[in-house]
Amino acid sequence: MAKLGVIMSDLGLLLLHLIGDFAAQTDWMSTKHQNRFALLIHCLTYTAIFASGFWLAGVEPTTGLWCSGLIFLSHVVADWRPWTLGSRWHHKAMALDQTAHIGILFLISFYVR
């Protein structure tokens, strides 16, 4: 597999995560734990950012599709929050959410190299 460069480095994946999960998320999308349509739009936007990164990095299309699918599904599961611990514990739910996202990206970083 060709050298993938900065986009598929750990820092590149982290940057794509920050863009997708924070910069590209609107206030409406941030209500996603209450609104399934908002959750779907947020997860599709998040995944599109990664799919674009895979394409720009020259990741083989089948690999990019599998990784994008994994990113989408894991993001839906992590962000759909029936397990939210309540507003008092929001910071802990947020930490769990971000840990799940980063963990998946860590695994993907080994797969696409």
Protein backbone atom coordinates (compact mmCIF):
# COMPACT_ATOMS: atom_id res chain seq x y z
CA MET A 1 0.00 0.00 0.00
CA ALA A 2 1.28 3.46 -0.86
CA LYS A 3 2.49 5.84 1.79
CA LEU A 4 -0.62 7.73 2.86
CA GLY A 5 0.91 10.93 4.15
CA VAL A 6 -0.40 13.42 6.67
CA ILE A 7 -4.14 12.86 6.15
CA MET A 8 -4.01 9.25 7.32
CA SER A 9 -1.51 9.83 10.09
CA ASP A 10 -2.83 9.67 13.63
CA LEU A 11 -2.78 13.47 13.77
CA GLY A 12 -4.58 13.68 10.44
CA LEU A 13 -7.34 11.36 11.65
CA LEU A 14 -7.61 13.33 14.88
CA LEU A 15 -7.91 16.56 12.90
CA LEU A 16 -10.67 15.05 10.72
CA HIS A 17 -12.41 13.94 13.93
CA LEU A 18 -12.26 17.42 15.44
CA ILE A 19 -13.58 18.97 12.23
CA GLY A 20 -16.39 16.43 11.90
CA ASP A 21 -17.46 16.17 15.52
CA PHE A 22 -17.12 19.83 16.51
CA ALA A 23 -16.53 22.35 13.70
CA ALA A 24 -19.05 20.82 11.26
CA GLN A 25 -21.69 20.13 13.92
CA THR A 26 -24.47 22.69 14.08
CA ASP A 27 -26.47 23.55 17.19
CA TRP A 28 -29.37 21.60 15.71
CA MET A 29 -27.19 18.53 15.26
CA SER A 30 -26.00 18.78 18.85
CA THR A 31 -29.51 17.78 19.92
CA LYS A 32 -28.87 14.43 18.24
CA HIS A 33 -29.36 12.36 21.36
CA GLN A 34 -32.99 13.52 21.30
CA ASN A 35 -33.59 13.60 17.54
CA ARG A 36 -32.83 10.58 15.34
CA PHE A 37 -32.90 12.62 12.12
CA ALA A 38 -30.35 15.07 13.53
CA LEU A 39 -28.23 12.10 14.63
CA LEU A 40 -28.35 10.65 11.11
CA ILE A 41 -27.38 13.96 9.48
CA HIS A 42 -24.53 14.49 11.97
CA CYS A 43 -23.17 10.97 11.43
CA LEU A 44 -23.43 11.27 7.63
CA THR A 45 -21.61 14.63 7.72
CA TYR A 46 -18.93 13.21 10.03
CA THR A 47 -18.48 10.18 7.78
CA ALA A 48 -18.35 12.30 4.60
CA ILE A 49 -15.44 14.27 6.06
CA PHE A 50 -13.53 11.02 6.63
CA ALA A 51 -14.49 9.58 3.24
CA SER A 52 -13.14 12.76 1.62
CA GLY A 53 -9.93 12.41 3.62
CA PHE A 54 -9.54 8.77 2.54
CA TRP A 55 -10.09 9.75 -1.08
CA LEU A 56 -7.61 12.66 -0.91
CA ALA A 57 -5.03 10.36 0.71
CA GLY A 58 -5.41 7.81 -2.09
CA VAL A 59 -6.78 5.04 0.11
CA GLU A 60 -7.92 2.11 -2.00
CA PRO A 61 -11.68 2.60 -2.62
CA THR A 62 -12.83 -0.68 -1.05
CA THR A 63 -10.75 0.02 2.06
CA GLY A 64 -12.12 3.57 2.21
CA LEU A 65 -15.70 2.29 1.98
CA TRP A 66 -15.22 -0.31 4.72
CA CYS A 67 -13.53 2.23 7.00
CA SER A 68 -16.22 4.83 6.28
CA GLY A 69 -18.93 2.28 7.07
CA LEU A 70 -17.23 1.39 10.34
CA ILE A 71 -16.87 5.07 11.21
CA PHE A 72 -20.54 5.72 10.46
CA LEU A 73 -21.88 2.76 12.45
CA SER A 74 -19.60 3.33 15.43
CA HIS A 75 -20.46 7.03 15.46
CA VAL A 76 -24.19 6.29 15.50
CA VAL A 77 -23.75 3.87 18.40
CA ALA A 78 -21.51 6.23 20.38
CA ASP A 79 -23.68 9.31 19.81
CA TRP A 80 -27.08 7.67 20.28
CA ARG A 81 -27.23 8.10 24.00
CA PRO A 82 -29.82 6.05 25.80
CA TRP A 83 -26.91 5.48 28.19
CA THR A 84 -26.41 9.19 28.95
CA LEU A 85 -26.03 9.56 32.67
CA GLY A 86 -27.99 12.79 32.98
CA SER A 87 -27.02 16.45 32.86
CA ARG A 88 -25.05 16.24 36.10
CA TRP A 89 -22.82 13.59 34.49
CA HIS A 90 -22.67 15.16 31.02
CA HIS A 91 -18.87 15.57 31.15
CA LYS A 92 -18.45 11.83 31.82
CA ALA A 93 -20.79 10.91 28.96
CA MET A 94 -18.81 13.28 26.71
CA ALA A 95 -15.52 11.66 27.77
CA LEU A 96 -16.95 8.20 27.02
CA ASP A 97 -18.22 9.41 23.64
CA GLN A 98 -14.86 10.90 22.65
CA THR A 99 -12.94 7.85 23.90
CA ALA A 100 -15.10 5.60 21.72
CA HIS A 101 -14.53 7.79 18.64
CA ILE A 102 -10.77 8.04 19.17
CA GLY A 103 -10.51 4.30 19.84
CA ILE A 104 -12.19 3.45 16.53
CA LEU A 105 -9.94 5.90 14.68
CA PHE A 106 -6.89 4.39 16.36
CA LEU A 107 -7.87 0.94 15.03
CA ILE A 108 -8.60 2.36 11.57
CA SER A 109 -5.21 4.08 11.46
CA PHE A 110 -3.53 0.67 11.59
CA TYR A 111 -5.79 -0.74 8.89
CA VAL A 112 -5.28 2.01 6.30
CA ARG A 113 -1.48 2.22 6.61
